Amino acid sequence: MDSPPSPDWNHIRAFLATAEEGSLSAAARSLGLTQPTLSRQVAALETELGVVLFERGGRALGLT
């Protein structure tokens, strides 16, 4: 029996910072990353989970 793949903790950290900060730019600053890097990490987590985690509208993000 195959076990599910273990999560990438960098992706989870990116998600948590984005949820707390409310924007990719602010989350990237808080983690010392660039916004494109953080955005890729959040997108990768969404792909891994097969769900959309944020509603994207303008500059602010909302949790789904």
Protein backbone atom coordinates (compact mmCIF):
# COMPACT_ATOMS: atom_id res chain seq x y z
CA MET A 1 0.00 0.00 0.00
CA ASP A 2 1.46 3.35 -1.03
CA SER A 3 1.48 6.16 1.48
CA PRO A 4 0.60 9.68 0.35
CA PRO A 5 3.54 11.92 -0.46
CA SER A 6 4.79 14.00 2.44
CA PRO A 7 3.98 17.69 2.21
CA ASP A 8 6.55 20.25 1.14
CA TRP A 9 6.86 22.35 4.27
CA ASN A 10 8.07 25.38 2.29
CA HIS A 11 4.76 25.37 0.43
CA ILE A 12 2.82 25.14 3.68
CA ARG A 13 4.89 27.96 5.20
CA ALA A 14 4.17 30.07 2.09
CA PHE A 15 0.44 29.37 2.42
CA LEU A 16 0.38 30.25 6.12
CA ALA A 17 2.29 33.51 5.66
CA THR A 18 0.02 34.49 2.75
CA ALA A 19 -3.11 33.72 4.78
CA GLU A 20 -1.81 35.74 7.74
CA GLU A 21 -0.57 38.71 5.71
CA GLY A 22 -3.42 38.85 3.19
CA SER A 23 -1.19 39.42 0.16
CA LEU A 24 1.61 37.67 -1.66
CA SER A 25 3.85 40.72 -1.51
CA ALA A 26 3.52 41.15 2.25
CA ALA A 27 3.97 37.43 2.84
CA ALA A 28 7.08 37.39 0.66
CA ARG A 29 8.57 40.29 2.63
CA SER A 30 7.84 38.56 5.94
CA LEU A 31 9.61 35.39 4.76
CA GLY A 32 12.48 37.15 3.01
CA LEU A 33 11.46 35.79 -0.39
CA THR A 34 10.56 37.40 -3.69
CA GLN A 35 6.88 37.64 -4.57
CA PRO A 36 7.24 35.41 -7.66
CA THR A 37 8.94 32.69 -5.58
CA LEU A 38 6.21 32.79 -2.95
CA SER A 39 3.52 32.78 -5.63
CA ARG A 40 5.04 29.65 -7.21
CA GLN A 41 5.11 27.93 -3.82
CA VAL A 42 1.45 28.69 -3.16
CA ALA A 43 0.51 27.57 -6.68
CA ALA A 44 2.48 24.35 -6.19
CA LEU A 45 0.60 23.61 -2.95
CA GLU A 46 -2.73 24.23 -4.69
CA THR A 47 -1.68 21.80 -7.42
CA GLU A 48 -0.52 19.19 -4.89
CA LEU A 49 -3.82 19.41 -3.02
CA GLY A 50 -5.99 19.81 -6.10
CA VAL A 51 -7.84 22.80 -4.64
CA VAL A 52 -7.86 26.58 -4.93
CA LEU A 53 -6.74 28.03 -1.60
CA PHE A 54 -7.19 31.75 -2.27
CA GLU A 55 -9.71 33.92 -4.04
CA ARG A 56 -7.63 36.35 -6.04
CA GLY A 57 -9.16 39.77 -6.48
CA GLY A 58 -7.06 42.87 -6.91
CA ARG A 59 -4.22 43.13 -4.44
CA ALA A 60 -5.90 41.29 -1.57
CA LEU A 61 -6.34 37.55 -1.27
CA GLY A 62 -9.12 35.80 0.58
CA LEU A 63 -9.20 32.25 1.82
CA THR A 64 -11.61 29.96 -0.01
